[in-house]
Amino acid sequence: MAKKTSKSTLVSKKILTDRISVNLSKKYSLTKIQIETVLSELLEEVKKALIKGEEIRLPSYLSLKTTIQAARVAMNLQTKKKMTIPAKRVPKVKFSEDLKKEIAQKK
């Protein structure tokens, strides 16, 4: 059975800022620049926390953390030479079960 794929649309930081400003500017009289500043600060704090090795949890949405990927031996397919790839920290994201269910219902 062929896997059905959907074409995704990119939502950039600018588009996200525009969408948020439509909602918040009416409720709280915030400017688009203020909203962009808050969004930028939020993303910067997320980045700093992940670099420190902290876990970020946004209940009902997702959690972000870093884990250690173990060192491994790989092979260069062109030269057939084995090489060691060192251990490194990698970012991980886990979506909430509620969000996964909500996304699965939209077809």
PDB file of N, CA and C in Angstrom:
ATOM      1  N   MET A   1       0.839  -1.163   0.000  1.00  0.00           N
ATOM      2  CA  MET A   1       0.000   0.000   0.000  1.00  0.00           C
ATOM      3  C   MET A   1       0.897   1.242   0.000  1.00  0.00           C
ATOM      4  N   ALA A   2       0.618   2.183  -0.878  1.00  0.00           N
ATOM      5  CA  ALA A   2       1.416   3.395  -0.985  1.00  0.00           C
ATOM      6  C   ALA A   2       1.089   4.332   0.170  1.00  0.00           C
ATOM      7  N   LYS A   3       2.106   4.986   0.664  1.00  0.00           N
ATOM      8  CA  LYS A   3       1.940   5.922   1.771  1.00  0.00           C
ATOM      9  C   LYS A   3       1.448   7.251   1.210  1.00  0.00           C
ATOM     10  N   LYS A   4       0.377   7.755   1.765  1.00  0.00           N
ATOM     11  CA  LYS A   4      -0.185   9.013   1.311  1.00  0.00           C
ATOM     12  C   LYS A   4       0.549  10.164   1.984  1.00  0.00           C
ATOM     13  N   THR A   5       1.088  11.063   1.202  1.00  0.00           N
ATOM     14  CA  THR A   5       1.800  12.204   1.763  1.00  0.00           C
ATOM     15  C   THR A   5       1.032  13.473   1.450  1.00  0.00           C
ATOM     16  N   SER A   6       1.106  14.404   2.355  1.00  0.00           N
ATOM     17  CA  SER A   6       0.464  15.690   2.125  1.00  0.00           C
ATOM     18  C   SER A   6       1.546  16.744   1.948  1.00  0.00           C
ATOM     19  N   LYS A   7       1.253  17.687   1.110  1.00  0.00           N
ATOM     20  CA  LYS A   7       2.209  18.767   0.892  1.00  0.00           C
ATOM     21  C   LYS A   7       2.076  19.751   2.044  1.00  0.00           C
ATOM     22  N   SER A   8       3.170  19.987   2.756  1.00  0.00           N
ATOM     23  CA  SER A   8       3.117  20.888   3.896  1.00  0.00           C
ATOM     24  C   SER A   8       3.440  22.311   3.465  1.00  0.00           C
ATOM     25  N   THR A   9       2.932  23.238   4.223  1.00  0.00           N
ATOM     26  CA  THR A   9       3.167  24.650   3.980  1.00  0.00           C
ATOM     27  C   THR A   9       4.116  25.162   5.045  1.00  0.00           C
ATOM     28  N   LEU A  10       5.109  25.926   4.639  1.00  0.00           N
ATOM     29  CA  LEU A  10       6.084  26.486   5.573  1.00  0.00           C
ATOM     30  C   LEU A  10       5.480  27.691   6.288  1.00  0.00           C
ATOM     31  N   VAL A  11       5.559  27.688   7.614  1.00  0.00           N
ATOM     32  CA  VAL A  11       5.143  28.834   8.413  1.00  0.00           C
ATOM     33  C   VAL A  11       6.406  29.411   9.016  1.00  0.00           C
ATOM     34  N   SER A  12       6.836  30.534   8.465  1.00  0.00           N
ATOM     35  CA  SER A  12       8.065  31.181   8.926  1.00  0.00           C
ATOM     36  C   SER A  12       7.805  32.000  10.189  1.00  0.00           C
ATOM     37  N   LYS A  13       8.867  32.514  10.773  1.00  0.00           N
ATOM     38  CA  LYS A  13       8.754  33.355  11.965  1.00  0.00           C
ATOM     39  C   LYS A  13       7.916  34.598  11.651  1.00  0.00           C
ATOM     40  N   LYS A  14       8.089  35.148  10.463  1.00  0.00           N
ATOM     41  CA  LYS A  14       7.321  36.338  10.064  1.00  0.00           C
ATOM     42  C   LYS A  14       5.832  36.012   9.961  1.00  0.00           C
ATOM     43  N   ILE A  15       5.505  34.899   9.352  1.00  0.00           N
ATOM     44  CA  ILE A  15       4.100  34.503   9.223  1.00  0.00           C
ATOM     45  C   ILE A  15       3.499  34.232  10.599  1.00  0.00           C
ATOM     46  N   LEU A  16       4.267  33.578  11.452  1.00  0.00           N
ATOM     47  CA  LEU A  16       3.810  33.306  12.808  1.00  0.00           C
ATOM     48  C   LEU A  16       3.561  34.616  13.559  1.00  0.00           C
ATOM     49  N   THR A  17       4.464  35.558  13.417  1.00  0.00           N
ATOM     50  CA  THR A  17       4.306  36.875  14.049  1.00  0.00           C
ATOM     51  C   THR A  17       3.049  37.558  13.539  1.00  0.00           C
ATOM     52  N   ASP A  18       2.825  37.492  12.233  1.00  0.00           N
ATOM     53  CA  ASP A  18       1.622  38.110  11.650  1.00  0.00           C
ATOM     54  C   ASP A  18       0.349  37.484  12.213  1.00  0.00           C
ATOM     55  N   ARG A  19       0.341  36.161  12.299  1.00  0.00           N
ATOM     56  CA  ARG A  19      -0.842  35.462  12.818  1.00  0.00           C
ATOM     57  C   ARG A  19      -1.099  35.810  14.274  1.00  0.00           C
ATOM     58  N   ILE A  20      -0.046  35.851  15.072  1.00  0.00           N
ATOM     59  CA  ILE A  20      -0.197  36.183  16.490  1.00  0.00           C
ATOM     60  C   ILE A  20      -0.654  37.632  16.648  1.00  0.00           C
ATOM     61  N   SER A  21      -0.097  38.522  15.841  1.00  0.00           N
ATOM     62  CA  SER A  21      -0.439  39.939  15.975  1.00  0.00           C
ATOM     63  C   SER A  21      -1.898  40.207  15.634  1.00  0.00           C
ATOM     64  N   VAL A  22      -2.466  39.435  14.719  1.00  0.00           N
ATOM     65  CA  VAL A  22      -3.881  39.607  14.382  1.00  0.00           C
ATOM     66  C   VAL A  22      -4.740  39.362  15.624  1.00  0.00           C
ATOM     67  N   ASN A  23      -4.411  38.328  16.389  1.00  0.00           N
ATOM     68  CA  ASN A  23      -5.181  38.005  17.590  1.00  0.00           C
ATOM     69  C   ASN A  23      -4.867  38.927  18.766  1.00  0.00           C
ATOM     70  N   LEU A  24      -3.590  39.149  19.038  1.00  0.00           N
ATOM     71  CA  LEU A  24      -3.208  39.894  20.236  1.00  0.00           C
ATOM     72  C   LEU A  24      -3.350  41.405  20.104  1.00  0.00           C
ATOM     73  N   SER A  25      -3.212  41.925  18.902  1.00  0.00           N
ATOM     74  CA  SER A  25      -3.309  43.377  18.755  1.00  0.00           C
ATOM     75  C   SER A  25      -4.715  43.863  19.104  1.00  0.00           C
ATOM     76  N   LYS A  26      -5.715  43.051  18.841  1.00  0.00           N
ATOM     77  CA  LYS A  26      -7.089  43.429  19.182  1.00  0.00           C
ATOM     78  C   LYS A  26      -7.337  43.310  20.685  1.00  0.00           C
ATOM     79  N   LYS A  27      -6.854  42.226  21.292  1.00  0.00           N
ATOM     80  CA  LYS A  27      -7.116  41.974  22.709  1.00  0.00           C
ATOM     81  C   LYS A  27      -6.301  42.860  23.638  1.00  0.00           C
ATOM     82  N   TYR A  28      -5.016  43.069  23.301  1.00  0.00           N
ATOM     83  CA  TYR A  28      -4.105  43.736  24.235  1.00  0.00           C
ATOM     84  C   TYR A  28      -3.440  44.979  23.664  1.00  0.00           C
ATOM     85  N   SER A  29      -3.849  45.403  22.526  1.00  0.00           N
ATOM     86  CA  SER A  29      -3.277  46.560  21.828  1.00  0.00           C
ATOM     87  C   SER A  29      -1.746  46.515  21.770  1.00  0.00           C
ATOM     88  N   LEU A  30      -1.233  45.365  21.364  1.00  0.00           N
ATOM     89  CA  LEU A  30       0.207  45.209  21.161  1.00  0.00           C
ATOM     90  C   LEU A  30       0.537  45.444  19.694  1.00  0.00           C
ATOM     91  N   THR A  31       1.711  46.028  19.459  1.00  0.00           N
ATOM     92  CA  THR A  31       2.137  46.239  18.080  1.00  0.00           C
ATOM     93  C   THR A  31       2.808  44.982  17.550  1.00  0.00           C
ATOM     94  N   LYS A  32       2.936  44.919  16.253  1.00  0.00           N
ATOM     95  CA  LYS A  32       3.599  43.782  15.622  1.00  0.00           C
ATOM     96  C   LYS A  32       5.061  43.709  16.054  1.00  0.00           C
ATOM     97  N   ILE A  33       5.701  44.845  16.250  1.00  0.00           N
ATOM     98  CA  ILE A  33       7.102  44.889  16.692  1.00  0.00           C
ATOM     99  C   ILE A  33       7.229  44.314  18.105  1.00  0.00           C
ATOM    100  N   GLN A  34       6.300  44.650  18.983  1.00  0.00           N
ATOM    101  CA  GLN A  34       6.323  44.110  20.343  1.00  0.00           C
ATOM    102  C   GLN A  34       6.138  42.593  20.328  1.00  0.00           C
ATOM    103  N   ILE A  35       5.233  42.129  19.509  1.00  0.00           N
ATOM    104  CA  ILE A  35       4.973  40.695  19.407  1.00  0.00           C
ATOM    105  C   ILE A  35       6.191  39.979  18.830  1.00  0.00           C
ATOM    106  N   GLU A  36       6.816  40.562  17.817  1.00  0.00           N
ATOM    107  CA  GLU A  36       8.019  39.970  17.226  1.00  0.00           C
ATOM    108  C   GLU A  36       9.145  39.908  18.260  1.00  0.00           C
ATOM    109  N   THR A  37       9.265  40.940  19.100  1.00  0.00           N
ATOM    110  CA  THR A  37      10.285  40.967  20.149  1.00  0.00           C
ATOM    111  C   THR A  37      10.045  39.851  21.159  1.00  0.00           C
ATOM    112  N   VAL A  38       8.799  39.674  21.577  1.00  0.00           N
ATOM    113  CA  VAL A  38       8.468  38.616  22.540  1.00  0.00           C
ATOM    114  C   VAL A  38       8.753  37.242  21.931  1.00  0.00           C
ATOM    115  N   LEU A  39       8.362  37.032  20.686  1.00  0.00           N
ATOM    116  CA  LEU A  39       8.606  35.753  20.011  1.00  0.00           C
ATOM    117  C   LEU A  39      10.106  35.488  19.889  1.00  0.00           C
ATOM    118  N   SER A  40      10.875  36.499  19.534  1.00  0.00           N
ATOM    119  CA  SER A  40      12.331  36.350  19.416  1.00  0.00           C
ATOM    120  C   SER A  40      12.956  36.008  20.763  1.00  0.00           C
ATOM    121  N   GLU A  41      12.507  36.674  21.818  1.00  0.00           N
ATOM    122  CA  GLU A  41      13.029  36.399  23.165  1.00  0.00           C
ATOM    123  C   GLU A  41      12.679  34.986  23.606  1.00  0.00           C
ATOM    124  N   LEU A  42      11.456  34.550  23.307  1.00  0.00           N
ATOM    125  CA  LEU A  42      11.045  33.190  23.649  1.00  0.00           C
ATOM    126  C   LEU A  42      11.948  32.166  22.966  1.00  0.00           C
ATOM    127  N   LEU A  43      12.170  32.342  21.674  1.00  0.00           N
ATOM    128  CA  LEU A  43      13.014  31.407  20.925  1.00  0.00           C
ATOM    129  C   LEU A  43      14.456  31.438  21.430  1.00  0.00           C
ATOM    130  N   GLU A  44      14.940  32.602  21.788  1.00  0.00           N
ATOM    131  CA  GLU A  44      16.305  32.724  22.312  1.00  0.00           C
ATOM    132  C   GLU A  44      16.438  32.002  23.648  1.00  0.00           C
ATOM    133  N   GLU A  45      15.448  32.138  24.517  1.00  0.00           N
ATOM    134  CA  GLU A  45      15.474  31.457  25.814  1.00  0.00           C
ATOM    135  C   GLU A  45      15.375  29.943  25.655  1.00  0.00           C
ATOM    136  N   VAL A  46      14.594  29.487  24.681  1.00  0.00           N
ATOM    137  CA  VAL A  46      14.517  28.055  24.387  1.00  0.00           C
ATOM    138  C   VAL A  46      15.881  27.547  23.956  1.00  0.00           C
ATOM    139  N   LYS A  47      16.531  28.289  23.080  1.00  0.00           N
ATOM    140  CA  LYS A  47      17.861  27.905  22.602  1.00  0.00           C
ATOM    141  C   LYS A  47      18.865  27.844  23.754  1.00  0.00           C
ATOM    142  N   LYS A  48      18.867  28.854  24.616  1.00  0.00           N
ATOM    143  CA  LYS A  48      19.796  28.890  25.747  1.00  0.00           C
ATOM    144  C   LYS A  48      19.567  27.703  26.679  1.00  0.00           C
ATOM    145  N   ALA A  49      18.303  27.394  26.950  1.00  0.00           N
ATOM    146  CA  ALA A  49      17.983  26.283  27.843  1.00  0.00           C
ATOM    147  C   ALA A  49      18.461  24.959  27.254  1.00  0.00           C
ATOM    148  N   LEU A  50      18.253  24.756  25.968  1.00  0.00           N
ATOM    149  CA  LEU A  50      18.691  23.515  25.332  1.00  0.00           C
ATOM    150  C   LEU A  50      20.212  23.404  25.320  1.00  0.00           C
ATOM    151  N   ILE A  51      20.898  24.497  25.108  1.00  0.00           N
ATOM    152  CA  ILE A  51      22.364  24.489  25.130  1.00  0.00           C
ATOM    153  C   ILE A  51      22.864  24.120  26.525  1.00  0.00           C
ATOM    154  N   LYS A  52      22.162  24.586  27.575  1.00  0.00           N
ATOM    155  CA  LYS A  52      22.535  24.243  28.950  1.00  0.00           C
ATOM    156  C   LYS A  52      22.190  22.793  29.296  1.00  0.00           C
ATOM    157  N   GLY A  53      21.407  22.145  28.456  1.00  0.00           N
ATOM    158  CA  GLY A  53      20.999  20.772  28.736  1.00  0.00           C
ATOM    159  C   GLY A  53      19.693  20.675  29.501  1.00  0.00           C
ATOM    160  N   GLU A  54      18.963  21.769  29.599  1.00  0.00           N
ATOM    161  CA  GLU A  54      17.691  21.783  30.308  1.00  0.00           C
ATOM    162  C   GLU A  54      16.576  21.247  29.407  1.00  0.00           C
ATOM    163  N   GLU A  55      15.524  20.756  30.021  1.00  0.00           N
ATOM    164  CA  GLU A  55      14.355  20.273  29.279  1.00  0.00           C
ATOM    165  C   GLU A  55      13.266  21.336  29.343  1.00  0.00           C
ATOM    166  N   ILE A  56      12.575  21.530  28.239  1.00  0.00           N
ATOM    167  CA  ILE A  56      11.490  22.509  28.166  1.00  0.00           C
ATOM    168  C   ILE A  56      10.197  21.744  27.946  1.00  0.00           C
ATOM    169  N   ARG A  57       9.207  22.003  28.797  1.00  0.00           N
ATOM    170  CA  ARG A  57       7.908  21.352  28.650  1.00  0.00           C
ATOM    171  C   ARG A  57       6.832  22.402  28.463  1.00  0.00           C
ATOM    172  N   LEU A  58       6.082  22.252  27.400  1.00  0.00           N
ATOM    173  CA  LEU A  58       4.917  23.083  27.152  1.00  0.00           C
ATOM    174  C   LEU A  58       3.722  22.132  27.177  1.00  0.00           C
ATOM    175  N   PRO A  59       3.082  21.965  28.347  1.00  0.00           N
ATOM    176  CA  PRO A  59       2.001  20.992  28.485  1.00  0.00           C
ATOM    177  C   PRO A  59       0.935  21.156  27.407  1.00  0.00           C
ATOM    178  N   SER A  60       0.429  20.054  26.940  1.00  0.00           N
ATOM    179  CA  SER A  60      -0.573  19.967  25.876  1.00  0.00           C
ATOM    180  C   SER A  60       0.002  20.257  24.490  1.00  0.00           C
ATOM    181  N   TYR A  61       1.314  20.545  24.413  1.00  0.00           N
ATOM    182  CA  TYR A  61       1.928  20.812  23.111  1.00  0.00           C
ATOM    183  C   TYR A  61       3.130  19.914  22.857  1.00  0.00           C
ATOM    184  N   LEU A  62       4.239  20.196  23.553  1.00  0.00           N
ATOM    185  CA  LEU A  62       5.451  19.437  23.280  1.00  0.00           C
ATOM    186  C   LEU A  62       6.463  19.591  24.391  1.00  0.00           C
ATOM    187  N   SER A  63       7.498  18.757  24.333  1.00  0.00           N
ATOM    188  CA  SER A  63       8.650  18.920  25.219  1.00  0.00           C
ATOM    189  C   SER A  63       9.908  18.849  24.357  1.00  0.00           C
ATOM    190  N   LEU A  64      10.889  19.637  24.740  1.00  0.00           N
ATOM    191  CA  LEU A  64      12.165  19.717  24.033  1.00  0.00           C
ATOM    192  C   LEU A  64      13.279  19.386  25.003  1.00  0.00           C
ATOM    193  N   LYS A  65      14.254  18.632  24.540  1.00  0.00           N
ATOM    194  CA  LYS A  65      15.412  18.324  25.376  1.00  0.00           C
ATOM    195  C   LYS A  65      16.568  17.915  24.477  1.00  0.00           C
ATOM    196  N   THR A  66      17.740  17.749  25.089  1.00  0.00           N
ATOM    197  CA  THR A  66      18.882  17.237  24.346  1.00  0.00           C
ATOM    198  C   THR A  66      19.291  15.908  24.966  1.00  0.00           C
ATOM    199  N   THR A  67      19.799  15.022  24.136  1.00  0.00           N
ATOM    200  CA  THR A  67      20.308  13.739  24.608  1.00  0.00           C
ATOM    201  C   THR A  67      21.691  13.516  24.008  1.00  0.00           C
ATOM    202  N   ILE A  68      22.429  12.589  24.600  1.00  0.00           N
ATOM    203  CA  ILE A  68      23.756  12.264  24.092  1.00  0.00           C
ATOM    204  C   ILE A  68      23.623  11.123  23.087  1.00  0.00           C
ATOM    205  N   GLN A  69      24.074  11.366  21.877  1.00  0.00           N
ATOM    206  CA  GLN A  69      24.119  10.314  20.861  1.00  0.00           C
ATOM    207  C   GLN A  69      25.485   9.640  20.984  1.00  0.00           C
ATOM    208  N   ALA A  70      25.504   8.356  21.206  1.00  0.00           N
ATOM    209  CA  ALA A  70      26.745   7.621  21.455  1.00  0.00           C
ATOM    210  C   ALA A  70      27.675   7.658  20.249  1.00  0.00           C
ATOM    211  N   ALA A  71      28.962   7.519  20.539  1.00  0.00           N
ATOM    212  CA  ALA A  71      29.955   7.422  19.461  1.00  0.00           C
ATOM    213  C   ALA A  71      29.673   6.144  18.674  1.00  0.00           C
ATOM    214  N   ARG A  72      30.001   6.171  17.398  1.00  0.00           N
ATOM    215  CA  ARG A  72      29.746   4.989  16.573  1.00  0.00           C
ATOM    216  C   ARG A  72      30.795   4.876  15.481  1.00  0.00           C
ATOM    217  N   VAL A  73      30.859   3.700  14.907  1.00  0.00           N
ATOM    218  CA  VAL A  73      31.777   3.453  13.798  1.00  0.00           C
ATOM    219  C   VAL A  73      30.955   3.440  12.520  1.00  0.00           C
ATOM    220  N   ALA A  74      31.401   4.189  11.537  1.00  0.00           N
ATOM    221  CA  ALA A  74      30.720   4.253  10.250  1.00  0.00           C
ATOM    222  C   ALA A  74      31.729   3.954   9.146  1.00  0.00           C
ATOM    223  N   MET A  75      31.219   3.757   7.951  1.00  0.00           N
ATOM    224  CA  MET A  75      32.103   3.445   6.835  1.00  0.00           C
ATOM    225  C   MET A  75      31.883   4.450   5.714  1.00  0.00           C
ATOM    226  N   ASN A  76      32.984   4.971   5.187  1.00  0.00           N
ATOM    227  CA  ASN A  76      32.929   5.810   4.007  1.00  0.00           C
ATOM    228  C   ASN A  76      32.644   4.876   2.830  1.00  0.00           C
ATOM    229  N   LEU A  77      31.495   5.047   2.208  1.00  0.00           N
ATOM    230  CA  LEU A  77      31.084   4.115   1.155  1.00  0.00           C
ATOM    231  C   LEU A  77      31.954   4.197  -0.103  1.00  0.00           C
ATOM    232  N   GLN A  78      32.605   5.320  -0.322  1.00  0.00           N
ATOM    233  CA  GLN A  78      33.459   5.450  -1.502  1.00  0.00           C
ATOM    234  C   GLN A  78      34.811   4.764  -1.301  1.00  0.00           C
ATOM    235  N   THR A  79      35.389   4.930  -0.110  1.00  0.00           N
ATOM    236  CA  THR A  79      36.731   4.372   0.136  1.00  0.00           C
ATOM    237  C   THR A  79      36.689   3.067   0.937  1.00  0.00           C
ATOM    238  N   LYS A  80      35.537   2.705   1.462  1.00  0.00           N
ATOM    239  CA  LYS A  80      35.362   1.517   2.326  1.00  0.00           C
ATOM    240  C   LYS A  80      36.186   1.600   3.611  1.00  0.00           C
ATOM    241  N   LYS A  81      36.614   2.806   3.954  1.00  0.00           N
ATOM    242  CA  LYS A  81      37.416   3.006   5.154  1.00  0.00           C
ATOM    243  C   LYS A  81      36.499   3.268   6.346  1.00  0.00           C
ATOM    244  N   LYS A  82      36.784   2.585   7.478  1.00  0.00           N
ATOM    245  CA  LYS A  82      36.002   2.792   8.689  1.00  0.00           C
ATOM    246  C   LYS A  82      36.487   4.033   9.410  1.00  0.00           C
ATOM    247  N   MET A  83      35.527   4.747  10.011  1.00  0.00           N
ATOM    248  CA  MET A  83      35.883   5.941  10.773  1.00  0.00           C
ATOM    249  C   MET A  83      34.992   6.011  12.005  1.00  0.00           C
ATOM    250  N   THR A  84      35.512   6.646  13.030  1.00  0.00           N
ATOM    251  CA  THR A  84      34.766   6.787  14.277  1.00  0.00           C
ATOM    252  C   THR A  84      34.099   8.151  14.304  1.00  0.00           C
ATOM    253  N   ILE A  85      32.824   8.140  14.553  1.00  0.00           N
ATOM    254  CA  ILE A  85      32.077   9.383  14.701  1.00  0.00           C
ATOM    255  C   ILE A  85      31.901   9.600  16.200  1.00  0.00           C
ATOM    256  N   PRO A  86      32.399  10.731  16.720  1.00  0.00           N
ATOM    257  CA  PRO A  86      32.366  10.950  18.169  1.00  0.00           C
ATOM    258  C   PRO A  86      30.947  11.154  18.703  1.00  0.00           C
ATOM    259  N   ALA A  87      30.793  10.973  20.008  1.00  0.00           N
ATOM    260  CA  ALA A  87      29.514  11.228  20.671  1.00  0.00           C
ATOM    261  C   ALA A  87      29.194  12.720  20.577  1.00  0.00           C
ATOM    262  N   LYS A  88      27.903  13.021  20.555  1.00  0.00           N
ATOM    263  CA  LYS A  88      27.497  14.426  20.498  1.00  0.00           C
ATOM    264  C   LYS A  88      26.109  14.580  21.091  1.00  0.00           C
ATOM    265  N   ARG A  89      25.785  15.807  21.493  1.00  0.00           N
ATOM    266  CA  ARG A  89      24.442  16.119  21.996  1.00  0.00           C
ATOM    267  C   ARG A  89      23.551  16.478  20.828  1.00  0.00           C
ATOM    268  N   VAL A  90      22.343  15.923  20.822  1.00  0.00           N
ATOM    269  CA  VAL A  90      21.396  16.191  19.745  1.00  0.00           C
ATOM    270  C   VAL A  90      20.050  16.617  20.337  1.00  0.00           C
ATOM    271  N   PRO A  91      19.338  17.519  19.668  1.00  0.00           N
ATOM    272  CA  PRO A  91      18.035  17.947  20.170  1.00  0.00           C
ATOM    273  C   PRO A  91      16.962  16.901  19.874  1.00  0.00           C
ATOM    274  N   LYS A  92      16.005  16.785  20.788  1.00  0.00           N
ATOM    275  CA  LYS A  92      14.876  15.863  20.626  1.00  0.00           C
ATOM    276  C   LYS A  92      13.589  16.626  20.929  1.00  0.00           C
ATOM    277  N   VAL A  93      12.536  16.289  20.218  1.00  0.00           N
ATOM    278  CA  VAL A  93      11.223  16.878  20.470  1.00  0.00           C
ATOM    279  C   VAL A  93      10.216  15.749  20.619  1.00  0.00           C
ATOM    280  N   LYS A  94       9.302  15.915  21.562  1.00  0.00           N
ATOM    281  CA  LYS A  94       8.248  14.926  21.771  1.00  0.00           C
ATOM    282  C   LYS A  94       6.931  15.690  21.871  1.00  0.00           C
ATOM    283  N   PHE A  95       6.006  15.337  21.000  1.00  0.00           N
ATOM    284  CA  PHE A  95       4.709  15.997  20.987  1.00  0.00           C
ATOM    285  C   PHE A  95       3.769  15.332  21.974  1.00  0.00           C
ATOM    286  N   SER A  96       2.853  16.105  22.550  1.00  0.00           N
ATOM    287  CA  SER A  96       1.907  15.558  23.523  1.00  0.00           C
ATOM    288  C   SER A  96       0.930  14.622  22.825  1.00  0.00           C
ATOM    289  N   GLU A  97       0.417  13.664  23.585  1.00  0.00           N
ATOM    290  CA  GLU A  97      -0.548  12.710  23.029  1.00  0.00           C
ATOM    291  C   GLU A  97      -1.806  13.431  22.546  1.00  0.00           C
ATOM    292  N   ASP A  98      -2.251  14.434  23.300  1.00  0.00           N
ATOM    293  CA  ASP A  98      -3.440  15.195  22.898  1.00  0.00           C
ATOM    294  C   ASP A  98      -3.232  15.882  21.559  1.00  0.00           C
ATOM    295  N   LEU A  99      -2.074  16.496  21.376  1.00  0.00           N
ATOM    296  CA  LEU A  99      -1.780  17.179  20.116  1.00  0.00           C
ATOM    297  C   LEU A  99      -1.704  16.174  18.974  1.00  0.00           C
ATOM    298  N   LYS A 100      -1.084  15.024  19.216  1.00  0.00           N
ATOM    299  CA  LYS A 100      -1.002  13.992  18.176  1.00  0.00           C
ATOM    300  C   LYS A 100      -2.387  13.521  17.756  1.00  0.00           C
ATOM    301  N   LYS A 101      -3.279  13.342  18.731  1.00  0.00           N
ATOM    302  CA  LYS A 101      -4.648  12.916  18.424  1.00  0.00           C
ATOM    303  C   LYS A 101      -5.382  13.982  17.621  1.00  0.00           C
ATOM    304  N   GLU A 102      -5.202  15.234  18.014  1.00  0.00           N
ATOM    305  CA  GLU A 102      -5.855  16.345  17.301  1.00  0.00           C
ATOM    306  C   GLU A 102      -5.382  16.421  15.852  1.00  0.00           C
ATOM    307  N   ILE A 103      -4.084  16.273  15.655  1.00  0.00           N
ATOM    308  CA  ILE A 103      -3.520  16.331  14.304  1.00  0.00           C
ATOM    309  C   ILE A 103      -4.026  15.156  13.473  1.00  0.00           C
ATOM    310  N   ALA A 104      -4.105  13.968  14.088  1.00  0.00           N
ATOM    311  CA  ALA A 104      -4.552  12.772  13.374  1.00  0.00           C
ATOM    312  C   ALA A 104      -6.001  12.889  12.920  1.00  0.00           C
ATOM    313  N   GLN A 105      -6.815  13.641  13.641  1.00  0.00           N
ATOM    314  CA  GLN A 105      -8.226  13.788  13.292  1.00  0.00           C
ATOM    315  C   GLN A 105      -8.436  14.705  12.085  1.00  0.00           C
ATOM    316  N   LYS A 106      -7.497  15.592  11.830  1.00  0.00           N
ATOM    317  CA  LYS A 106      -7.619  16.517  10.694  1.00  0.00           C
ATOM    318  C   LYS A 106      -7.140  15.824   9.432  1.00  0.00           C
ATOM    319  N   LYS A 107      -8.014  15.656   8.471  1.00  0.00           N
ATOM    320  CA  LYS A 107      -7.636  14.992   7.218  1.00  0.00           C
ATOM    321  C   LYS A 107      -7.896  15.859   6.029  1.00  0.00           C
TER     322      LYS A 107
END
